[in-house]
Amino acid sequence: ACDFDHSKWKTAPAPFGQDEAGIGRKPNTRWNSSDIWLRSSFDMPAE
């Protein structure tokens, strides 16, 4: 939801995941659990 309080979540750069040199994957943030939840915001122009 838009108004959900994520102030206790961590902040880190994408991509999230694990290194896989064979297909060129090199994440900025390591993720090795079964699930991840992400949130962000962005601005839309008026057009």
ModelCIF file with pLDDT and N, C-alpha, C, O atoms, coordinates in Angstrom:
data_MODEL
#
_entry.id   MODEL 
#
_entity.id                         1 
_entity.type                       polymer 
_entity.pdbx_number_of_molecules   1 
#
_entity_poly.entity_id                      1 
_entity_poly.type                           'polypeptide(L)' 
_entity_poly.nstd_linkage                   no 
_entity_poly.nstd_monomer                   no 
_entity_poly.pdbx_seq_one_letter_code       ACDFDHSKWKTAPAPFGQDEAGIGRKPNTRWNSSDIWLRSSFDMPAE 
_entity_poly.pdbx_seq_one_letter_code_can   ACDFDHSKWKTAPAPFGQDEAGIGRKPNTRWNSSDIWLRSSFDMPAE 
_entity_poly.pdbx_strand_id                 A 
#
loop_
_entity_poly_seq.entity_id 
_entity_poly_seq.num 
_entity_poly_seq.mon_id 
_entity_poly_seq.hetero 
1 1  ALA n 
1 2  CYS n 
1 3  ASP n 
1 4  PHE n 
1 5  ASP n 
1 6  HIS n 
1 7  SER n 
1 8  LYS n 
1 9  TRP n 
1 10 LYS n 
1 11 THR n 
1 12 ALA n 
1 13 PRO n 
1 14 ALA n 
1 15 PRO n 
1 16 PHE n 
1 17 GLY n 
1 18 GLN n 
1 19 ASP n 
1 20 GLU n 
1 21 ALA n 
1 22 GLY n 
1 23 ILE n 
1 24 GLY n 
1 25 ARG n 
1 26 LYS n 
1 27 PRO n 
1 28 ASN n 
1 29 THR n 
1 30 ARG n 
1 31 TRP n 
1 32 ASN n 
1 33 SER n 
1 34 SER n 
1 35 ASP n 
1 36 ILE n 
1 37 TRP n 
1 38 LEU n 
1 39 ARG n 
1 40 SER n 
1 41 SER n 
1 42 PHE n 
1 43 ASP n 
1 44 MET n 
1 45 PRO n 
1 46 ALA n 
1 47 GLU n 
#
_struct_asym.id          A 
_struct_asym.entity_id   1 
#
loop_
_ma_qa_metric.id 
_ma_qa_metric.mode 
_ma_qa_metric.name 
_ma_qa_metric.software_group_id 
_ma_qa_metric.type 
1 global pLDDT . pLDDT 
2 local  pLDDT . pLDDT 
#
_ma_qa_metric_global.metric_id      1 
_ma_qa_metric_global.metric_value   95.19 
_ma_qa_metric_global.model_id       1 
_ma_qa_metric_global.ordinal_id     1 
#
loop_
_ma_qa_metric_local.label_asym_id 
_ma_qa_metric_local.label_comp_id 
_ma_qa_metric_local.label_seq_id 
_ma_qa_metric_local.metric_id 
_ma_qa_metric_local.metric_value 
_ma_qa_metric_local.model_id 
_ma_qa_metric_local.ordinal_id 
A ALA 1  2 97.00 1 1  
A CYS 2  2 96.00 1 2  
A ASP 3  2 96.00 1 3  
A PHE 4  2 98.00 1 4  
A ASP 5  2 97.00 1 5  
A HIS 6  2 97.00 1 6  
A SER 7  2 96.00 1 7  
A LYS 8  2 96.00 1 8  
A TRP 9  2 98.00 1 9  
A LYS 10 2 98.00 1 10 
A THR 11 2 98.00 1 11 
A ALA 12 2 98.00 1 12 
A PRO 13 2 98.00 1 13 
A ALA 14 2 98.00 1 14 
A PRO 15 2 98.00 1 15 
A PHE 16 2 98.00 1 16 
A GLY 17 2 97.00 1 17 
A GLN 18 2 95.00 1 18 
A ASP 19 2 93.00 1 19 
A GLU 20 2 91.00 1 20 
A ALA 21 2 86.00 1 21 
A GLY 22 2 86.00 1 22 
A ILE 23 2 84.00 1 23 
A GLY 24 2 87.00 1 24 
A ARG 25 2 93.00 1 25 
A LYS 26 2 93.00 1 26 
A PRO 27 2 96.00 1 27 
A ASN 28 2 97.00 1 28 
A THR 29 2 98.00 1 29 
A ARG 30 2 96.00 1 30 
A TRP 31 2 97.00 1 31 
A ASN 32 2 93.00 1 32 
A SER 33 2 96.00 1 33 
A SER 34 2 96.00 1 34 
A ASP 35 2 98.00 1 35 
A ILE 36 2 98.00 1 36 
A TRP 37 2 98.00 1 37 
A LEU 38 2 98.00 1 38 
A ARG 39 2 98.00 1 39 
A SER 40 2 98.00 1 40 
A SER 41 2 97.00 1 41 
A PHE 42 2 97.00 1 42 
A ASP 43 2 96.00 1 43 
A MET 44 2 94.00 1 44 
A PRO 45 2 93.00 1 45 
A ALA 46 2 90.00 1 46 
A GLU 47 2 88.00 1 47 
#
loop_
_atom_site.group_PDB 
_atom_site.id 
_atom_site.type_symbol 
_atom_site.label_atom_id 
_atom_site.label_alt_id 
_atom_site.label_comp_id 
_atom_site.label_asym_id 
_atom_site.label_entity_id 
_atom_site.label_seq_id 
_atom_site.pdbx_PDB_ins_code 
_atom_site.Cartn_x 
_atom_site.Cartn_y 
_atom_site.Cartn_z 
_atom_site.occupancy 
_atom_site.B_iso_or_equiv 
_atom_site.pdbx_formal_charge 
_atom_site.auth_seq_id 
_atom_site.auth_comp_id 
_atom_site.auth_asym_id 
_atom_site.auth_atom_id 
_atom_site.pdbx_PDB_model_num 
ATOM 1   N N  . ALA A 1 1  ? 0.825  -1.208  0.000   1.00 97.00 ? 1  ALA A N  1 
ATOM 2   C CA . ALA A 1 1  ? 0.000  0.000   0.000   1.00 97.00 ? 1  ALA A CA 1 
ATOM 3   C C  . ALA A 1 1  ? 0.862  1.261   0.000   1.00 97.00 ? 1  ALA A C  1 
ATOM 4   O O  . ALA A 1 1  ? 1.987  1.260   0.500   1.00 97.00 ? 1  ALA A O  1 
ATOM 5   N N  . CYS A 1 2  ? 0.320  2.325   -0.563  1.00 96.00 ? 2  CYS A N  1 
ATOM 6   C CA . CYS A 1 2  ? 1.069  3.585   -0.656  1.00 96.00 ? 2  CYS A CA 1 
ATOM 7   C C  . CYS A 1 2  ? 1.465  4.120   0.711   1.00 96.00 ? 2  CYS A C  1 
ATOM 8   O O  . CYS A 1 2  ? 2.564  4.649   0.880   1.00 96.00 ? 2  CYS A O  1 
ATOM 9   N N  . ASP A 1 3  ? 0.569  3.984   1.694   1.00 96.00 ? 3  ASP A N  1 
ATOM 10  C CA . ASP A 1 3  ? 0.817  4.579   3.009   1.00 96.00 ? 3  ASP A CA 1 
ATOM 11  C C  . ASP A 1 3  ? 1.454  3.606   3.993   1.00 96.00 ? 3  ASP A C  1 
ATOM 12  O O  . ASP A 1 3  ? 1.502  3.891   5.190   1.00 96.00 ? 3  ASP A O  1 
ATOM 13  N N  . PHE A 1 4  ? 1.943  2.467   3.518   1.00 98.00 ? 4  PHE A N  1 
ATOM 14  C CA . PHE A 1 4  ? 2.578  1.507   4.422   1.00 98.00 ? 4  PHE A CA 1 
ATOM 15  C C  . PHE A 1 4  ? 3.865  2.098   4.996   1.00 98.00 ? 4  PHE A C  1 
ATOM 16  O O  . PHE A 1 4  ? 4.632  2.743   4.280   1.00 98.00 ? 4  PHE A O  1 
ATOM 17  N N  . ASP A 1 5  ? 4.096  1.878   6.282   1.00 97.00 ? 5  ASP A N  1 
ATOM 18  C CA . ASP A 1 5  ? 5.281  2.409   6.962   1.00 97.00 ? 5  ASP A CA 1 
ATOM 19  C C  . ASP A 1 5  ? 6.450  1.425   6.802   1.00 97.00 ? 5  ASP A C  1 
ATOM 20  O O  . ASP A 1 5  ? 6.484  0.378   7.449   1.00 97.00 ? 5  ASP A O  1 
ATOM 21  N N  . HIS A 1 6  ? 7.396  1.776   5.939   1.00 97.00 ? 6  HIS A N  1 
ATOM 22  C CA . HIS A 1 6  ? 8.568  0.914   5.749   1.00 97.00 ? 6  HIS A CA 1 
ATOM 23  C C  . HIS A 1 6  ? 9.820  1.533   6.371   1.00 97.00 ? 6  HIS A C  1 
ATOM 24  O O  . HIS A 1 6  ? 10.937 1.235   5.949   1.00 97.00 ? 6  HIS A O  1 
ATOM 25  N N  . SER A 1 7  ? 9.636  2.386   7.365   1.00 96.00 ? 7  SER A N  1 
ATOM 26  C CA . SER A 1 7  ? 10.766 3.097   7.956   1.00 96.00 ? 7  SER A CA 1 
ATOM 27  C C  . SER A 1 7  ? 11.769 2.171   8.630   1.00 96.00 ? 7  SER A C  1 
ATOM 28  O O  . SER A 1 7  ? 12.930 2.540   8.808   1.00 96.00 ? 7  SER A O  1 
ATOM 29  N N  . LYS A 1 8  ? 11.332 0.964   9.009   1.00 96.00 ? 8  LYS A N  1 
ATOM 30  C CA . LYS A 1 8  ? 12.239 0.015   9.656   1.00 96.00 ? 8  LYS A CA 1 
ATOM 31  C C  . LYS A 1 8  ? 12.911 -0.925  8.645   1.00 96.00 ? 8  LYS A C  1 
ATOM 32  O O  . LYS A 1 8  ? 13.748 -1.746  9.020   1.00 96.00 ? 8  LYS A O  1 
ATOM 33  N N  . TRP A 1 9  ? 12.545 -0.803  7.374   1.00 98.00 ? 9  TRP A N  1 
ATOM 34  C CA . TRP A 1 9  ? 13.200 -1.612  6.349   1.00 98.00 ? 9  TRP A CA 1 
ATOM 35  C C  . TRP A 1 9  ? 14.602 -1.067  6.089   1.00 98.00 ? 9  TRP A C  1 
ATOM 36  O O  . TRP A 1 9  ? 14.891 0.094   6.377   1.00 98.00 ? 9  TRP A O  1 
ATOM 37  N N  . LYS A 1 10 ? 15.455 -1.907  5.548   1.00 98.00 ? 10 LYS A N  1 
ATOM 38  C CA . LYS A 1 10 ? 16.801 -1.486  5.171   1.00 98.00 ? 10 LYS A CA 1 
ATOM 39  C C  . LYS A 1 10 ? 16.768 -0.771  3.826   1.00 98.00 ? 10 LYS A C  1 
ATOM 40  O O  . LYS A 1 10 ? 15.810 -0.914  3.067   1.00 98.00 ? 10 LYS A O  1 
ATOM 41  N N  . THR A 1 11 ? 17.802 -0.012  3.535   1.00 98.00 ? 11 THR A N  1 
ATOM 42  C CA . THR A 1 11 ? 17.954 0.668   2.247   1.00 98.00 ? 11 THR A CA 1 
ATOM 43  C C  . THR A 1 11 ? 19.260 0.216   1.611   1.00 98.00 ? 11 THR A C  1 
ATOM 44  O O  . THR A 1 11 ? 20.311 0.242   2.251   1.00 98.00 ? 11 THR A O  1 
ATOM 45  N N  . ALA A 1 12 ? 19.189 -0.200  0.341   1.00 98.00 ? 12 ALA A N  1 
ATOM 46  C CA . ALA A 1 12 ? 20.388 -0.688  -0.345  1.00 98.00 ? 12 ALA A CA 1 
ATOM 47  C C  . ALA A 1 12 ? 20.161 -0.615  -1.850  1.00 98.00 ? 12 ALA A C  1 
ATOM 48  O O  . ALA A 1 12 ? 19.016 -0.554  -2.299  1.00 98.00 ? 12 ALA A O  1 
ATOM 49  N N  . PRO A 1 13 ? 21.242 -0.621  -2.641  1.00 98.00 ? 13 PRO A N  1 
ATOM 50  C CA . PRO A 1 13 ? 21.112 -0.513  -4.092  1.00 98.00 ? 13 PRO A CA 1 
ATOM 51  C C  . PRO A 1 13 ? 20.779 -1.841  -4.768  1.00 98.00 ? 13 PRO A C  1 
ATOM 52  O O  . PRO A 1 13 ? 21.272 -2.895  -4.364  1.00 98.00 ? 13 PRO A O  1 
ATOM 53  N N  . ALA A 1 14 ? 19.951 -1.781  -5.783  1.00 98.00 ? 14 ALA A N  1 
ATOM 54  C CA . ALA A 1 14 ? 19.689 -2.921  -6.657  1.00 98.00 ? 14 ALA A CA 1 
ATOM 55  C C  . ALA A 1 14 ? 20.876 -3.054  -7.630  1.00 98.00 ? 14 ALA A C  1 
ATOM 56  O O  . ALA A 1 14 ? 21.686 -2.136  -7.758  1.00 98.00 ? 14 ALA A O  1 
ATOM 57  N N  . PRO A 1 15 ? 20.967 -4.197  -8.306  1.00 98.00 ? 15 PRO A N  1 
ATOM 58  C CA . PRO A 1 15 ? 20.162 -5.403  -8.179  1.00 98.00 ? 15 PRO A CA 1 
ATOM 59  C C  . PRO A 1 15 ? 20.412 -6.142  -6.866  1.00 98.00 ? 15 PRO A C  1 
ATOM 60  O O  . PRO A 1 15 ? 21.453 -5.985  -6.228  1.00 98.00 ? 15 PRO A O  1 
ATOM 61  N N  . PHE A 1 16 ? 19.415 -6.961  -6.480  1.00 98.00 ? 16 PHE A N  1 
ATOM 62  C CA . PHE A 1 16 ? 19.521 -7.824  -5.323  1.00 98.00 ? 16 PHE A CA 1 
ATOM 63  C C  . PHE A 1 16 ? 19.644 -9.261  -5.813  1.00 98.00 ? 16 PHE A C  1 
ATOM 64  O O  . PHE A 1 16 ? 18.956 -9.648  -6.758  1.00 98.00 ? 16 PHE A O  1 
ATOM 65  N N  . GLY A 1 17 ? 20.499 -10.050 -5.196  1.00 97.00 ? 17 GLY A N  1 
ATOM 66  C CA . GLY A 1 17 ? 20.612 -11.435 -5.607  1.00 97.00 ? 17 GLY A CA 1 
ATOM 67  C C  . GLY A 1 17 ? 21.949 -12.042 -5.264  1.00 97.00 ? 17 GLY A C  1 
ATOM 68  O O  . GLY A 1 17 ? 22.599 -11.644 -4.297  1.00 97.00 ? 17 GLY A O  1 
ATOM 69  N N  . GLN A 1 18 ? 22.362 -13.026 -6.079  1.00 95.00 ? 18 GLN A N  1 
ATOM 70  C CA . GLN A 1 18 ? 23.620 -13.728 -5.901  1.00 95.00 ? 18 GLN A CA 1 
ATOM 71  C C  . GLN A 1 18 ? 24.441 -13.650 -7.184  1.00 95.00 ? 18 GLN A C  1 
ATOM 72  O O  . GLN A 1 18 ? 23.888 -13.564 -8.280  1.00 95.00 ? 18 GLN A O  1 
ATOM 73  N N  . ASP A 1 19 ? 25.759 -13.682 -7.038  1.00 93.00 ? 19 ASP A N  1 
ATOM 74  C CA . ASP A 1 19 ? 26.656 -13.663 -8.196  1.00 93.00 ? 19 ASP A CA 1 
ATOM 75  C C  . ASP A 1 19 ? 26.443 -14.900 -9.052  1.00 93.00 ? 19 ASP A C  1 
ATOM 76  O O  . ASP A 1 19 ? 26.378 -16.018 -8.540  1.00 93.00 ? 19 ASP A O  1 
ATOM 77  N N  . GLU A 1 20 ? 26.333 -14.691 -10.375 1.00 91.00 ? 20 GLU A N  1 
ATOM 78  C CA . GLU A 1 20 ? 26.282 -15.787 -11.340 1.00 91.00 ? 20 GLU A CA 1 
ATOM 79  C C  . GLU A 1 20 ? 27.076 -15.339 -12.558 1.00 91.00 ? 20 GLU A C  1 
ATOM 80  O O  . GLU A 1 20 ? 26.527 -14.763 -13.497 1.00 91.00 ? 20 GLU A O  1 
ATOM 81  N N  . ALA A 1 21 ? 28.370 -15.611 -12.528 1.00 86.00 ? 21 ALA A N  1 
ATOM 82  C CA . ALA A 1 21 ? 29.264 -15.123 -13.573 1.00 86.00 ? 21 ALA A CA 1 
ATOM 83  C C  . ALA A 1 21 ? 28.881 -15.645 -14.949 1.00 86.00 ? 21 ALA A C  1 
ATOM 84  O O  . ALA A 1 21 ? 29.095 -14.961 -15.950 1.00 86.00 ? 21 ALA A O  1 
ATOM 85  N N  . GLY A 1 22 ? 28.323 -16.836 -15.012 1.00 86.00 ? 22 GLY A N  1 
ATOM 86  C CA . GLY A 1 22 ? 27.995 -17.444 -16.302 1.00 86.00 ? 22 GLY A CA 1 
ATOM 87  C C  . GLY A 1 22 ? 26.997 -16.661 -17.116 1.00 86.00 ? 22 GLY A C  1 
ATOM 88  O O  . GLY A 1 22 ? 27.010 -16.726 -18.345 1.00 86.00 ? 22 GLY A O  1 
ATOM 89  N N  . ILE A 1 23 ? 26.122 -15.912 -16.443 1.00 84.00 ? 23 ILE A N  1 
ATOM 90  C CA . ILE A 1 23 ? 25.139 -15.097 -17.173 1.00 84.00 ? 23 ILE A CA 1 
ATOM 91  C C  . ILE A 1 23 ? 25.303 -13.621 -16.820 1.00 84.00 ? 23 ILE A C  1 
ATOM 92  O O  . ILE A 1 23 ? 24.401 -12.815 -17.052 1.00 84.00 ? 23 ILE A O  1 
ATOM 93  N N  . GLY A 1 24 ? 26.454 -13.275 -16.260 1.00 87.00 ? 24 GLY A N  1 
ATOM 94  C CA . GLY A 1 24 ? 26.773 -11.865 -16.031 1.00 87.00 ? 24 GLY A CA 1 
ATOM 95  C C  . GLY A 1 24 ? 26.038 -11.211 -14.885 1.00 87.00 ? 24 GLY A C  1 
ATOM 96  O O  . GLY A 1 24 ? 25.919 -9.986  -14.853 1.00 87.00 ? 24 GLY A O  1 
ATOM 97  N N  . ARG A 1 25 ? 25.545 -11.986 -13.950 1.00 93.00 ? 25 ARG A N  1 
ATOM 98  C CA . ARG A 1 25 ? 24.850 -11.400 -12.815 1.00 93.00 ? 25 ARG A CA 1 
ATOM 99  C C  . ARG A 1 25 ? 25.839 -11.030 -11.713 1.00 93.00 ? 25 ARG A C  1 
ATOM 100 O O  . ARG A 1 25 ? 26.581 -11.876 -11.212 1.00 93.00 ? 25 ARG A O  1 
ATOM 101 N N  . LYS A 1 26 ? 25.834 -9.760  -11.351 1.00 93.00 ? 26 LYS A N  1 
ATOM 102 C CA . LYS A 1 26 ? 26.673 -9.267  -10.269 1.00 93.00 ? 26 LYS A CA 1 
ATOM 103 C C  . LYS A 1 26 ? 25.865 -8.257  -9.463  1.00 93.00 ? 26 LYS A C  1 
ATOM 104 O O  . LYS A 1 26 ? 25.924 -7.057  -9.733  1.00 93.00 ? 26 LYS A O  1 
ATOM 105 N N  . PRO A 1 27 ? 25.112 -8.733  -8.477  1.00 96.00 ? 27 PRO A N  1 
ATOM 106 C CA . PRO A 1 27 ? 24.232 -7.836  -7.722  1.00 96.00 ? 27 PRO A CA 1 
ATOM 107 C C  . PRO A 1 27 ? 25.018 -6.856  -6.867  1.00 96.00 ? 27 PRO A C  1 
ATOM 108 O O  . PRO A 1 27 ? 26.157 -7.119  -6.481  1.00 96.00 ? 27 PRO A O  1 
ATOM 109 N N  . ASN A 1 28 ? 24.395 -5.726  -6.580  1.00 97.00 ? 28 ASN A N  1 
ATOM 110 C CA . ASN A 1 28 ? 24.976 -4.756  -5.657  1.00 97.00 ? 28 ASN A CA 1 
ATOM 111 C C  . ASN A 1 28 ? 24.661 -5.092  -4.203  1.00 97.00 ? 28 ASN A C  1 
ATOM 112 O O  . ASN A 1 28 ? 25.400 -4.708  -3.296  1.00 97.00 ? 28 ASN A O  1 
ATOM 113 N N  . THR A 1 29 ? 23.556 -5.813  -3.987  1.00 98.00 ? 29 THR A N  1 
ATOM 114 C CA . THR A 1 29 ? 23.162 -6.203  -2.631  1.00 98.00 ? 29 THR A CA 1 
ATOM 115 C C  . THR A 1 29 ? 22.872 -7.694  -2.601  1.00 98.00 ? 29 THR A C  1 
ATOM 116 O O  . THR A 1 29 ? 22.076 -8.198  -3.394  1.00 98.00 ? 29 THR A O  1 
ATOM 117 N N  . ARG A 1 30 ? 23.515 -8.387  -1.693  1.00 96.00 ? 30 ARG A N  1 
ATOM 118 C CA . ARG A 1 30 ? 23.355 -9.836  -1.619  1.00 96.00 ? 30 ARG A CA 1 
ATOM 119 C C  . ARG A 1 30 ? 21.991 -10.186 -1.026  1.00 96.00 ? 30 ARG A C  1 
ATOM 120 O O  . ARG A 1 30 ? 21.579 -9.644  -0.001  1.00 96.00 ? 30 ARG A O  1 
ATOM 121 N N  . TRP A 1 31 ? 21.310 -11.102 -1.696  1.00 97.00 ? 31 TRP A N  1 
ATOM 122 C CA . TRP A 1 31 ? 20.033 -11.639 -1.218  1.00 97.00 ? 31 TRP A CA 1 
ATOM 123 C C  . TRP A 1 31 ? 20.110 -13.155 -1.351  1.00 97.00 ? 31 TRP A C  1 
ATOM 124 O O  . TRP A 1 31 ? 20.245 -13.675 -2.458  1.00 97.00 ? 31 TRP A O  1 
ATOM 125 N N  . ASN A 1 32 ? 20.026 -13.862 -0.233  1.00 93.00 ? 32 ASN A N  1 
ATOM 126 C CA . ASN A 1 32 ? 20.144 -15.319 -0.278  1.00 93.00 ? 32 ASN A CA 1 
ATOM 127 C C  . ASN A 1 32 ? 19.088 -16.024 0.558   1.00 93.00 ? 32 ASN A C  1 
ATOM 128 O O  . ASN A 1 32 ? 19.255 -17.186 0.927   1.00 93.00 ? 32 ASN A O  1 
ATOM 129 N N  . SER A 1 33 ? 17.995 -15.317 0.859   1.00 96.00 ? 33 SER A N  1 
ATOM 130 C CA . SER A 1 33 ? 16.876 -15.933 1.580   1.00 96.00 ? 33 SER A CA 1 
ATOM 131 C C  . SER A 1 33 ? 15.812 -16.360 0.575   1.00 96.00 ? 33 SER A C  1 
ATOM 132 O O  . SER A 1 33 ? 15.981 -16.178 -0.631  1.00 96.00 ? 33 SER A O  1 
ATOM 133 N N  . SER A 1 34 ? 14.717 -16.928 1.072   1.00 96.00 ? 34 SER A N  1 
ATOM 134 C CA . SER A 1 34 ? 13.670 -17.422 0.175   1.00 96.00 ? 34 SER A CA 1 
ATOM 135 C C  . SER A 1 34 ? 12.802 -16.320 -0.410  1.00 96.00 ? 34 SER A C  1 
ATOM 136 O O  . SER A 1 34 ? 12.204 -16.519 -1.467  1.00 96.00 ? 34 SER A O  1 
ATOM 137 N N  . ASP A 1 35 ? 12.713 -15.153 0.245   1.00 98.00 ? 35 ASP A N  1 
ATOM 138 C CA . ASP A 1 35 ? 11.833 -14.075 -0.205  1.00 98.00 ? 35 ASP A CA 1 
ATOM 139 C C  . ASP A 1 35 ? 12.501 -12.725 0.016   1.00 98.00 ? 35 ASP A C  1 
ATOM 140 O O  . ASP A 1 35 ? 13.348 -12.562 0.895   1.00 98.00 ? 35 ASP A O  1 
ATOM 141 N N  . ILE A 1 36 ? 12.099 -11.774 -0.800  1.00 98.00 ? 36 ILE A N  1 
ATOM 142 C CA . ILE A 1 36 ? 12.498 -10.387 -0.593  1.00 98.00 ? 36 ILE A CA 1 
ATOM 143 C C  . ILE A 1 36 ? 11.323 -9.487  -0.956  1.00 98.00 ? 36 ILE A C  1 
ATOM 144 O O  . ILE A 1 36 ? 10.602 -9.740  -1.921  1.00 98.00 ? 36 ILE A O  1 
ATOM 145 N N  . TRP A 1 37 ? 11.145 -8.435  -0.168  1.00 98.00 ? 37 TRP A N  1 
ATOM 146 C CA . TRP A 1 37 ? 10.113 -7.439  -0.427  1.00 98.00 ? 37 TRP A CA 1 
ATOM 147 C C  . TRP A 1 37 ? 10.804 -6.099  -0.650  1.00 98.00 ? 37 TRP A C  1 
ATOM 148 O O  . TRP A 1 37 ? 11.696 -5.723  0.110   1.00 98.00 ? 37 TRP A O  1 
ATOM 149 N N  . LEU A 1 38 ? 10.396 -5.383  -1.685  1.00 98.00 ? 38 LEU A N  1 
ATOM 150 C CA . LEU A 1 38 ? 11.033 -4.123  -2.075  1.00 98.00 ? 38 LEU A CA 1 
ATOM 151 C C  . LEU A 1 38 ? 9.985  -3.019  -2.192  1.00 98.00 ? 38 LEU A C  1 
ATOM 152 O O  . LEU A 1 38 ? 8.836  -3.266  -2.557  1.00 98.00 ? 38 LEU A O  1 
ATOM 153 N N  . ARG A 1 39 ? 10.405 -1.802  -1.874  1.00 98.00 ? 39 ARG A N  1 
ATOM 154 C CA . ARG A 1 39 ? 9.550  -0.642  -2.078  1.00 98.00 ? 39 ARG A CA 1 
ATOM 155 C C  . ARG A 1 39 ? 10.399 0.533   -2.543  1.00 98.00 ? 39 ARG A C  1 
ATOM 156 O O  . ARG A 1 39 ? 11.566 0.667   -2.176  1.00 98.00 ? 39 ARG A O  1 
ATOM 157 N N  . SER A 1 40 ? 9.779  1.384   -3.362  1.00 98.00 ? 40 SER A N  1 
ATOM 158 C CA . SER A 1 40 ? 10.442 2.610   -3.800  1.00 98.00 ? 40 SER A CA 1 
ATOM 159 C C  . SER A 1 40 ? 9.372  3.566   -4.309  1.00 98.00 ? 40 SER A C  1 
ATOM 160 O O  . SER A 1 40 ? 8.191  3.221   -4.359  1.00 98.00 ? 40 SER A O  1 
ATOM 161 N N  . SER A 1 41 ? 9.793  4.763   -4.685  1.00 97.00 ? 41 SER A N  1 
ATOM 162 C CA . SER A 1 41 ? 8.877  5.743   -5.269  1.00 97.00 ? 41 SER A CA 1 
ATOM 163 C C  . SER A 1 41 ? 9.564  6.413   -6.448  1.00 97.00 ? 41 SER A C  1 
ATOM 164 O O  . SER A 1 41 ? 10.792 6.442   -6.533  1.00 97.00 ? 41 SER A O  1 
ATOM 165 N N  . PHE A 1 42 ? 8.765  6.947   -7.348  1.00 97.00 ? 42 PHE A N  1 
ATOM 166 C CA . PHE A 1 42 ? 9.304  7.628   -8.524  1.00 97.00 ? 42 PHE A CA 1 
ATOM 167 C C  . PHE A 1 42 ? 8.292  8.670   -8.980  1.00 97.00 ? 42 PHE A C  1 
ATOM 168 O O  . PHE A 1 42 ? 7.102  8.574   -8.681  1.00 97.00 ? 42 PHE A O  1 
ATOM 169 N N  . ASP A 1 43 ? 8.782  9.660   -9.703  1.00 96.00 ? 43 ASP A N  1 
ATOM 170 C CA . ASP A 1 43 ? 7.936  10.756  -10.165 1.00 96.00 ? 43 ASP A CA 1 
ATOM 171 C C  . ASP A 1 43 ? 7.517  10.543  -11.614 1.00 96.00 ? 43 ASP A C  1 
ATOM 172 O O  . ASP A 1 43 ? 8.335  10.213  -12.471 1.00 96.00 ? 43 ASP A O  1 
ATOM 173 N N  . MET A 1 44 ? 6.227  10.739  -11.870 1.00 94.00 ? 44 MET A N  1 
ATOM 174 C CA . MET A 1 44 ? 5.688  10.669  -13.218 1.00 94.00 ? 44 MET A CA 1 
ATOM 175 C C  . MET A 1 44 ? 5.509  12.079  -13.757 1.00 94.00 ? 44 MET A C  1 
ATOM 176 O O  . MET A 1 44 ? 4.976  12.938  -13.055 1.00 94.00 ? 44 MET A O  1 
ATOM 177 N N  . PRO A 1 45 ? 5.946  12.341  -15.007 1.00 93.00 ? 45 PRO A N  1 
ATOM 178 C CA . PRO A 1 45 ? 5.680  13.645  -15.612 1.00 93.00 ? 45 PRO A CA 1 
ATOM 179 C C  . PRO A 1 45 ? 4.197  13.806  -15.922 1.00 93.00 ? 45 PRO A C  1 
ATOM 180 O O  . PRO A 1 45 ? 3.430  12.845  -15.866 1.00 93.00 ? 45 PRO A O  1 
ATOM 181 N N  . ALA A 1 46 ? 3.808  15.023  -16.247 1.00 90.00 ? 46 ALA A N  1 
ATOM 182 C CA . ALA A 1 46 ? 2.392  15.321  -16.450 1.00 90.00 ? 46 ALA A CA 1 
ATOM 183 C C  . ALA A 1 46 ? 1.874  14.804  -17.788 1.00 90.00 ? 46 ALA A C  1 
ATOM 184 O O  . ALA A 1 46 ? 0.664  14.649  -17.957 1.00 90.00 ? 46 ALA A O  1 
ATOM 185 N N  . GLU A 1 47 ? 2.764  14.534  -18.740 1.00 88.00 ? 47 GLU A N  1 
ATOM 186 C CA . GLU A 1 47 ? 2.291  14.099  -20.054 1.00 88.00 ? 47 GLU A CA 1 
ATOM 187 C C  . GLU A 1 47 ? 1.674  12.711  -19.994 1.00 88.00 ? 47 GLU A C  1 
ATOM 188 O O  . GLU A 1 47 ? 1.224  12.192  -21.016 1.00 88.00 ? 47 GLU A O  1 
#
